N, C-alpha and C. Protein backbone atom coordinates (compact mmCIF):
# COMPACT_ATOMS: atom_id res chain seq x y z
N MET A 1 0.80 -1.29 0.02
CA MET A 1 0.03 0.01 0.02
C MET A 1 0.85 1.43 -0.01
N PRO A 2 0.40 2.28 -0.73
CA PRO A 2 1.31 3.49 -0.91
C PRO A 2 1.33 4.14 0.44
N ALA A 3 2.47 4.75 0.86
CA ALA A 3 2.77 5.51 2.09
C ALA A 3 3.51 6.82 1.72
N ASN A 4 3.20 7.41 0.74
CA ASN A 4 4.28 8.58 0.19
C ASN A 4 4.23 9.79 1.11
N ASN A 5 3.15 10.02 1.77
CA ASN A 5 3.25 11.21 2.70
C ASN A 5 2.36 11.12 3.88
N ALA A 6 2.42 12.08 4.88
CA ALA A 6 1.82 11.71 5.98
C ALA A 6 0.25 11.90 5.92
N SER A 7 -0.16 12.38 5.03
CA SER A 7 -1.73 12.37 4.85
C SER A 7 -2.29 11.10 4.53
N ILE A 8 -1.55 10.46 3.69
CA ILE A 8 -1.87 8.73 3.23
C ILE A 8 -1.81 8.05 4.40
N ILE A 9 -0.79 8.15 5.20
CA ILE A 9 -0.58 7.32 6.36
C ILE A 9 -1.74 7.64 7.46
N ALA A 10 -2.01 8.93 7.59
CA ALA A 10 -2.95 9.20 8.50
C ALA A 10 -4.25 8.54 7.95
N HIS A 11 -4.59 8.78 6.83
CA HIS A 11 -5.91 8.15 6.23
C HIS A 11 -6.06 6.63 6.56
N TYR A 12 -4.90 5.90 6.41
CA TYR A 12 -5.03 4.38 6.75
C TYR A 12 -5.01 4.10 8.05
N LEU A 13 -4.31 5.05 8.88
CA LEU A 13 -4.52 4.80 10.34
C LEU A 13 -6.03 5.05 10.81
N ASN A 14 -6.71 5.98 10.34
CA ASN A 14 -8.03 6.21 10.57
C ASN A 14 -8.90 5.16 10.18
N LYS A 15 -8.61 4.38 9.17
CA LYS A 15 -9.50 3.37 8.57
C LYS A 15 -9.16 2.14 9.67
N GLY A 16 -8.20 2.14 10.41
CA GLY A 16 -7.92 1.12 11.19
C GLY A 16 -6.69 0.19 10.79
N PHE A 17 -6.13 0.60 10.03
CA PHE A 17 -4.84 -0.31 9.46
C PHE A 17 -3.70 0.01 10.47
N ARG A 18 -2.61 -0.78 10.44
CA ARG A 18 -1.58 -0.67 11.25
C ARG A 18 -0.20 -0.71 10.56
N LEU A 19 0.76 -0.14 11.01
CA LEU A 19 1.90 0.20 10.23
C LEU A 19 2.85 -1.22 10.21
N ARG A 20 2.75 -1.81 11.43
CA ARG A 20 3.36 -3.09 11.51
C ARG A 20 2.58 -4.26 12.24
N PRO A 21 2.41 -5.36 11.82
CA PRO A 21 1.75 -6.20 12.67
C PRO A 21 2.30 -6.53 13.96
N PRO A 22 1.54 -6.87 15.05
CA PRO A 22 2.25 -7.19 16.34
C PRO A 22 2.91 -8.49 16.26
N GLU A 23 3.87 -8.28 17.07
CA GLU A 23 4.94 -9.39 16.88
C GLU A 23 4.48 -10.73 17.80
N ALA A 24 3.79 -10.54 18.95
CA ALA A 24 3.39 -11.50 19.84
C ALA A 24 1.90 -11.87 19.62
N GLY A 25 1.12 -11.48 18.78
CA GLY A 25 -0.09 -11.62 18.55
C GLY A 25 -0.96 -10.62 19.23
N VAL A 26 -2.11 -10.68 18.97
CA VAL A 26 -3.07 -9.80 19.52
C VAL A 26 -4.22 -10.32 20.47
N SER A 27 -4.67 -9.61 21.63
CA SER A 27 -5.59 -10.22 22.47
C SER A 27 -6.87 -10.24 21.88
N VAL A 28 -7.67 -10.98 22.41
CA VAL A 28 -9.07 -11.17 21.84
C VAL A 28 -9.93 -9.67 22.24
N GLU A 29 -9.55 -9.05 23.25
CA GLU A 29 -10.31 -7.85 23.59
C GLU A 29 -9.88 -6.65 22.38
N THR A 30 -8.46 -6.58 22.22
CA THR A 30 -8.04 -5.60 21.14
C THR A 30 -8.49 -6.08 19.85
N LEU A 31 -8.69 -7.36 19.51
CA LEU A 31 -9.13 -7.59 18.12
C LEU A 31 -10.50 -7.22 17.96
N GLN A 32 -11.39 -7.49 19.15
CA GLN A 32 -12.79 -7.21 19.20
C GLN A 32 -13.10 -5.56 19.16
N SER A 33 -12.24 -4.92 19.66
CA SER A 33 -12.37 -3.51 19.71
C SER A 33 -11.97 -2.87 18.41
N THR A 34 -11.27 -3.45 17.64
CA THR A 34 -11.11 -2.94 16.14
C THR A 34 -12.03 -3.20 15.13
N PHE A 35 -13.02 -4.16 15.41
CA PHE A 35 -14.08 -4.30 14.51
C PHE A 35 -15.40 -3.62 14.88
N ALA A 36 -16.05 -3.26 14.07
CA ALA A 36 -17.56 -2.69 14.39
C ALA A 36 -18.21 -3.77 14.89
N ALA A 37 -19.36 -3.35 15.73
CA ALA A 37 -20.31 -4.44 16.16
C ALA A 37 -21.05 -5.11 15.00
N GLU A 38 -21.36 -4.45 14.04
CA GLU A 38 -22.06 -5.25 12.99
C GLU A 38 -21.15 -6.22 12.51
N THR A 39 -19.86 -6.07 12.31
CA THR A 39 -19.00 -7.01 11.66
C THR A 39 -19.02 -8.20 12.59
N LEU A 40 -18.91 -8.09 13.85
CA LEU A 40 -18.77 -9.18 14.80
C LEU A 40 -19.95 -9.96 14.74
N GLU A 41 -21.21 -9.29 14.45
CA GLU A 41 -22.28 -10.22 14.50
C GLU A 41 -22.29 -11.11 13.17
N LEU A 42 -21.85 -10.48 11.93
CA LEU A 42 -21.75 -11.29 10.94
C LEU A 42 -20.66 -12.56 10.98
N ILE A 43 -19.77 -12.23 11.96
CA ILE A 43 -18.55 -13.25 11.93
C ILE A 43 -19.35 -14.42 12.91
N ASP A 44 -20.08 -13.90 13.90
CA ASP A 44 -20.54 -15.13 14.76
C ASP A 44 -21.74 -15.93 14.03
N GLN A 45 -22.32 -15.32 12.98
CA GLN A 45 -23.63 -15.96 12.38
C GLN A 45 -23.05 -17.27 11.57
N GLU A 46 -23.71 -18.19 11.35
CA GLU A 46 -23.41 -19.41 10.43
C GLU A 46 -23.71 -18.71 9.01
N PRO A 47 -22.88 -19.11 8.08
CA PRO A 47 -23.26 -18.78 6.68
C PRO A 47 -24.53 -19.23 6.13
N GLU A 48 -25.21 -18.37 5.47
CA GLU A 48 -26.47 -18.84 4.84
C GLU A 48 -26.17 -19.69 3.69
N GLU A 49 -27.18 -20.39 3.17
CA GLU A 49 -27.04 -21.25 2.10
C GLU A 49 -26.82 -20.49 0.94
N ALA A 50 -26.12 -20.89 0.03
CA ALA A 50 -25.85 -19.87 -1.25
C ALA A 50 -27.16 -20.02 -1.94
N VAL A 51 -27.56 -18.86 -2.61
CA VAL A 51 -28.60 -18.69 -3.70
C VAL A 51 -27.91 -19.17 -5.05
N GLU A 52 -28.59 -20.08 -5.34
CA GLU A 52 -28.08 -20.66 -6.67
C GLU A 52 -28.56 -19.74 -7.80
N THR A 53 -27.75 -19.20 -8.81
CA THR A 53 -27.92 -18.41 -9.78
C THR A 53 -27.71 -19.08 -11.12
N GLU A 54 -28.38 -18.61 -12.11
CA GLU A 54 -28.04 -19.28 -13.53
C GLU A 54 -26.91 -18.94 -13.97
N THR A 55 -26.13 -19.91 -14.58
CA THR A 55 -25.03 -19.66 -15.30
C THR A 55 -25.22 -20.06 -16.69
N TYR A 56 -24.41 -19.21 -17.79
CA TYR A 56 -24.39 -19.50 -19.01
C TYR A 56 -23.10 -19.91 -19.51
N SER A 57 -23.25 -20.83 -20.35
CA SER A 57 -21.86 -21.54 -20.93
C SER A 57 -21.82 -21.33 -22.43
N CYS A 58 -20.53 -21.30 -22.88
CA CYS A 58 -20.22 -21.30 -24.09
C CYS A 58 -19.16 -22.35 -24.51
N MET A 59 -19.57 -23.37 -25.29
CA MET A 59 -18.60 -24.42 -25.56
C MET A 59 -18.03 -24.53 -26.85
N ARG A 60 -17.88 -23.39 -27.53
CA ARG A 60 -17.64 -23.32 -28.97
C ARG A 60 -15.99 -22.90 -29.11
N HIS A 61 -15.34 -23.11 -28.03
CA HIS A 61 -13.96 -22.59 -27.98
C HIS A 61 -12.88 -23.57 -27.77
N GLY A 62 -12.88 -24.81 -28.29
CA GLY A 62 -12.01 -25.93 -28.16
C GLY A 62 -12.53 -26.48 -26.84
N LEU A 63 -11.38 -26.90 -26.15
CA LEU A 63 -11.58 -27.56 -24.86
C LEU A 63 -12.10 -26.75 -23.71
N LYS A 64 -11.95 -25.49 -23.97
CA LYS A 64 -12.39 -24.57 -22.84
C LYS A 64 -13.73 -24.38 -22.87
N THR A 65 -14.53 -24.34 -21.83
CA THR A 65 -15.72 -24.01 -21.56
C THR A 65 -15.73 -22.68 -20.69
N ARG A 66 -16.44 -21.78 -21.33
CA ARG A 66 -16.43 -20.45 -20.85
C ARG A 66 -17.84 -20.26 -20.19
N SER A 67 -17.80 -20.05 -18.86
CA SER A 67 -19.06 -19.80 -18.00
C SER A 67 -19.18 -18.42 -17.74
N PHE A 68 -20.64 -17.91 -17.65
CA PHE A 68 -20.83 -16.50 -17.26
C PHE A 68 -21.77 -16.62 -16.21
N LYS A 69 -21.71 -15.70 -15.34
CA LYS A 69 -22.59 -15.45 -14.26
C LYS A 69 -23.84 -14.84 -14.66
N SER A 70 -23.71 -13.98 -15.68
CA SER A 70 -24.79 -12.93 -16.06
C SER A 70 -24.97 -13.19 -17.44
N TRP A 71 -26.38 -12.76 -17.76
CA TRP A 71 -26.88 -12.80 -19.22
C TRP A 71 -26.04 -12.03 -20.10
N LYS A 72 -25.83 -10.70 -19.43
CA LYS A 72 -25.28 -9.59 -20.09
C LYS A 72 -23.70 -10.05 -20.54
N GLY A 73 -22.89 -10.67 -19.62
CA GLY A 73 -21.71 -11.29 -19.99
C GLY A 73 -21.64 -12.37 -21.12
N TYR A 74 -22.64 -13.22 -20.91
CA TYR A 74 -22.79 -14.10 -22.12
C TYR A 74 -22.98 -13.49 -23.44
N VAL A 75 -24.02 -12.43 -23.45
CA VAL A 75 -24.41 -11.69 -24.76
C VAL A 75 -23.04 -10.88 -25.31
N ASN A 76 -22.51 -10.38 -24.44
CA ASN A 76 -21.29 -9.70 -24.74
C ASN A 76 -20.14 -10.52 -25.37
N HIS A 77 -19.90 -11.81 -24.86
CA HIS A 77 -19.00 -12.61 -25.36
C HIS A 77 -19.48 -13.04 -26.70
N CYS A 78 -20.72 -13.35 -26.95
CA CYS A 78 -21.16 -13.95 -28.22
C CYS A 78 -21.04 -12.97 -29.15
N ALA A 79 -21.44 -11.52 -28.74
CA ALA A 79 -21.24 -10.35 -29.79
C ALA A 79 -19.87 -10.17 -30.26
N TYR A 80 -18.90 -10.54 -29.29
CA TYR A 80 -17.42 -10.12 -29.58
C TYR A 80 -16.98 -11.04 -30.52
N PHE A 81 -17.28 -12.48 -30.31
CA PHE A 81 -16.93 -13.57 -31.23
C PHE A 81 -17.83 -13.87 -32.51
N LYS A 82 -18.84 -13.00 -32.51
CA LYS A 82 -19.87 -12.98 -33.62
C LYS A 82 -20.59 -14.22 -33.63
N GLU A 83 -21.05 -14.80 -32.60
CA GLU A 83 -21.63 -16.15 -32.51
C GLU A 83 -23.18 -15.91 -32.23
N LEU A 84 -23.84 -16.94 -32.77
CA LEU A 84 -25.38 -16.99 -32.38
C LEU A 84 -25.56 -17.51 -30.91
N LEU A 85 -26.56 -16.88 -30.35
CA LEU A 85 -26.78 -17.24 -28.78
C LEU A 85 -27.30 -18.71 -28.93
N GLU A 86 -26.77 -19.61 -27.89
CA GLU A 86 -27.32 -21.00 -27.74
C GLU A 86 -28.07 -21.23 -26.30
N ALA A 87 -27.97 -20.33 -25.55
CA ALA A 87 -28.46 -20.40 -24.13
C ALA A 87 -29.92 -19.93 -24.13
N GLU A 88 -30.89 -20.45 -23.26
CA GLU A 88 -32.33 -19.92 -23.21
C GLU A 88 -32.16 -18.75 -22.61
N VAL A 89 -33.18 -17.88 -23.21
CA VAL A 89 -33.38 -16.54 -22.67
C VAL A 89 -33.97 -16.51 -21.34
N PRO A 90 -33.43 -15.74 -20.34
CA PRO A 90 -34.07 -15.83 -18.92
C PRO A 90 -35.28 -14.77 -18.96
N GLU A 91 -36.23 -15.08 -17.92
CA GLU A 91 -37.25 -14.45 -18.02
C GLU A 91 -37.18 -12.84 -17.68
N SER A 92 -35.94 -12.48 -17.09
CA SER A 92 -35.97 -10.82 -16.80
C SER A 92 -35.60 -10.25 -18.42
N VAL A 93 -35.04 -11.03 -19.03
CA VAL A 93 -34.82 -10.34 -20.56
C VAL A 93 -36.10 -10.41 -21.28
N ARG A 94 -36.90 -11.47 -21.14
CA ARG A 94 -38.12 -11.53 -21.85
C ARG A 94 -38.93 -10.34 -21.37
N LEU A 95 -38.86 -9.98 -20.18
CA LEU A 95 -39.75 -8.83 -19.70
C LEU A 95 -39.27 -7.62 -20.33
N LYS A 96 -37.86 -7.40 -20.46
CA LYS A 96 -37.40 -6.26 -20.96
C LYS A 96 -37.69 -6.30 -22.65
N MET A 97 -37.79 -7.43 -23.22
CA MET A 97 -38.09 -7.43 -24.57
C MET A 97 -39.60 -6.97 -24.67
N ALA A 98 -40.50 -7.20 -23.86
CA ALA A 98 -41.77 -6.71 -23.97
C ALA A 98 -41.89 -5.35 -23.86
N GLU A 99 -41.03 -4.57 -23.49
CA GLU A 99 -41.10 -3.10 -23.50
C GLU A 99 -40.74 -2.51 -24.56
N HIS A 100 -40.21 -3.09 -25.64
CA HIS A 100 -39.79 -2.53 -26.93
C HIS A 100 -40.48 -3.05 -28.21
N PRO A 101 -40.73 -2.40 -29.05
CA PRO A 101 -41.27 -3.08 -30.43
C PRO A 101 -40.23 -3.77 -31.15
N TYR A 102 -39.06 -3.48 -31.03
CA TYR A 102 -37.86 -4.15 -31.75
C TYR A 102 -36.82 -4.44 -30.58
N PHE A 103 -36.26 -5.64 -30.70
CA PHE A 103 -35.30 -5.99 -29.48
C PHE A 103 -34.13 -6.98 -30.22
N CYS A 104 -32.91 -6.57 -30.28
CA CYS A 104 -31.75 -7.46 -30.54
C CYS A 104 -31.48 -8.30 -29.42
N LEU A 105 -31.54 -9.56 -29.55
CA LEU A 105 -31.08 -10.58 -28.46
C LEU A 105 -29.58 -10.60 -28.54
N GLN A 106 -29.04 -10.51 -29.69
CA GLN A 106 -27.57 -10.69 -29.71
C GLN A 106 -26.77 -9.62 -29.08
N HIS A 107 -27.39 -8.49 -28.99
CA HIS A 107 -26.70 -7.30 -28.34
C HIS A 107 -27.43 -6.85 -27.19
N ASN A 108 -28.53 -7.56 -26.79
CA ASN A 108 -29.30 -7.25 -25.64
C ASN A 108 -29.83 -5.64 -25.51
N LYS A 109 -30.17 -5.32 -26.66
CA LYS A 109 -30.84 -3.87 -26.82
C LYS A 109 -32.13 -3.89 -27.44
N GLY A 110 -32.92 -2.76 -26.86
CA GLY A 110 -34.18 -2.58 -27.26
C GLY A 110 -34.34 -1.39 -28.30
N PHE A 111 -35.19 -1.32 -29.13
CA PHE A 111 -35.45 -0.23 -30.10
C PHE A 111 -36.79 0.29 -30.33
N ALA A 112 -36.93 1.49 -30.21
CA ALA A 112 -38.28 2.18 -30.33
C ALA A 112 -38.89 2.13 -31.75
N SER A 113 -38.14 2.10 -32.72
CA SER A 113 -38.62 2.21 -34.22
C SER A 113 -37.92 1.32 -34.91
N GLU A 114 -38.51 1.14 -36.15
CA GLU A 114 -37.99 0.31 -36.95
C GLU A 114 -36.77 0.72 -37.75
N SER A 115 -36.56 2.03 -37.81
CA SER A 115 -35.43 2.88 -38.41
C SER A 115 -34.23 2.71 -37.38
N GLY A 116 -34.47 2.61 -36.14
CA GLY A 116 -33.37 2.35 -35.11
C GLY A 116 -32.94 0.99 -35.21
N ALA A 117 -33.76 -0.14 -35.25
CA ALA A 117 -33.33 -1.41 -35.51
C ALA A 117 -32.61 -1.67 -36.81
N SER A 118 -33.00 -0.94 -37.79
CA SER A 118 -32.31 -1.20 -39.16
C SER A 118 -31.02 -0.53 -39.08
N ARG A 119 -30.84 0.67 -38.51
CA ARG A 119 -29.53 1.39 -38.16
C ARG A 119 -28.62 0.45 -37.43
N HIS A 120 -29.17 -0.05 -36.40
CA HIS A 120 -28.28 -1.10 -35.52
C HIS A 120 -27.85 -2.24 -36.45
N MET A 121 -28.61 -2.80 -37.14
CA MET A 121 -28.20 -3.96 -37.89
C MET A 121 -27.29 -3.53 -39.13
N ARG A 122 -27.37 -2.51 -39.61
CA ARG A 122 -26.39 -2.07 -40.73
C ARG A 122 -24.99 -1.71 -39.88
N ASN A 123 -25.04 -1.22 -38.72
CA ASN A 123 -23.83 -0.86 -38.08
C ASN A 123 -23.09 -2.15 -37.82
N GLU A 124 -23.90 -3.26 -37.24
CA GLU A 124 -23.22 -4.43 -36.88
C GLU A 124 -22.73 -5.27 -38.05
N LEU A 125 -23.42 -5.15 -39.20
CA LEU A 125 -23.04 -5.91 -40.58
C LEU A 125 -21.93 -5.28 -41.07
N SER A 126 -21.45 -3.88 -40.77
CA SER A 126 -20.52 -3.27 -41.47
C SER A 126 -19.26 -3.49 -40.84
N LYS A 127 -19.30 -3.91 -39.56
CA LYS A 127 -17.99 -4.37 -38.82
C LYS A 127 -17.28 -5.45 -39.62
N GLY A 128 -16.08 -5.42 -39.53
CA GLY A 128 -15.24 -6.44 -40.04
C GLY A 128 -15.35 -7.98 -39.59
N GLY A 129 -15.16 -9.00 -40.27
CA GLY A 129 -15.37 -10.18 -39.88
C GLY A 129 -16.60 -10.93 -40.59
N LYS A 130 -16.88 -11.93 -39.99
CA LYS A 130 -18.19 -12.54 -40.68
C LYS A 130 -19.44 -11.74 -40.20
N ALA A 131 -20.32 -11.66 -41.09
CA ALA A 131 -21.59 -11.00 -40.90
C ALA A 131 -22.68 -11.97 -40.22
N VAL A 132 -23.03 -11.83 -39.05
CA VAL A 132 -23.97 -12.59 -38.37
C VAL A 132 -24.82 -11.63 -37.55
N HIS A 133 -26.09 -11.68 -38.07
CA HIS A 133 -26.91 -10.80 -37.38
C HIS A 133 -28.39 -11.01 -37.66
N PHE A 134 -29.41 -10.81 -36.65
CA PHE A 134 -30.85 -10.97 -37.02
C PHE A 134 -31.30 -9.79 -38.01
N SER A 135 -32.33 -10.06 -39.03
CA SER A 135 -32.92 -9.22 -39.66
C SER A 135 -33.71 -8.35 -38.80
N VAL A 136 -34.20 -7.12 -39.34
CA VAL A 136 -35.17 -6.36 -38.75
C VAL A 136 -36.58 -7.07 -38.50
N GLU A 137 -37.05 -7.87 -39.46
CA GLU A 137 -38.26 -8.69 -39.04
C GLU A 137 -37.94 -9.50 -37.92
N GLN A 138 -36.98 -10.28 -37.91
CA GLN A 138 -36.59 -10.99 -36.70
C GLN A 138 -36.44 -10.38 -35.24
N MET A 139 -36.06 -9.12 -35.37
CA MET A 139 -35.91 -8.31 -34.26
C MET A 139 -37.42 -7.66 -33.80
N LYS A 140 -38.47 -7.91 -34.62
CA LYS A 140 -39.54 -7.30 -34.30
C LYS A 140 -40.22 -8.15 -33.13
N ILE A 141 -40.87 -7.59 -32.29
CA ILE A 141 -41.57 -8.35 -31.09
C ILE A 141 -43.11 -8.27 -31.55
N ASN A 142 -43.69 -9.42 -31.51
CA ASN A 142 -45.10 -9.57 -31.79
C ASN A 142 -45.95 -9.25 -30.72
């Protein structure tokens, strides 16, 4: 950690950091006095069961399976490599799709008009590499 001047050292001391760890250990009272009461309550509690979140995987890159914790990460990965989506669309994205008359699943973007959707499609198809994108008719939400 940087300690270039006295104000930085004072800042870290005010946060509770020490310049040098104690040599003989710390007593329990000293240790408890450095933590806030809320932190001690969290330490004493048993850990709650982990909430299982849906993960999205891409297995198109050789032996490596790439996993993503969020839909946005998965969509960005597929857009970068210009791949079509394989995973099932989550309910939260379906709700977001319902808010727009045109929606591009490949880029997770909604459009208010046909001209905006066609402009998006033209911009994506004009980029280098293989041209993979939904048509405006495919982006239209019924």
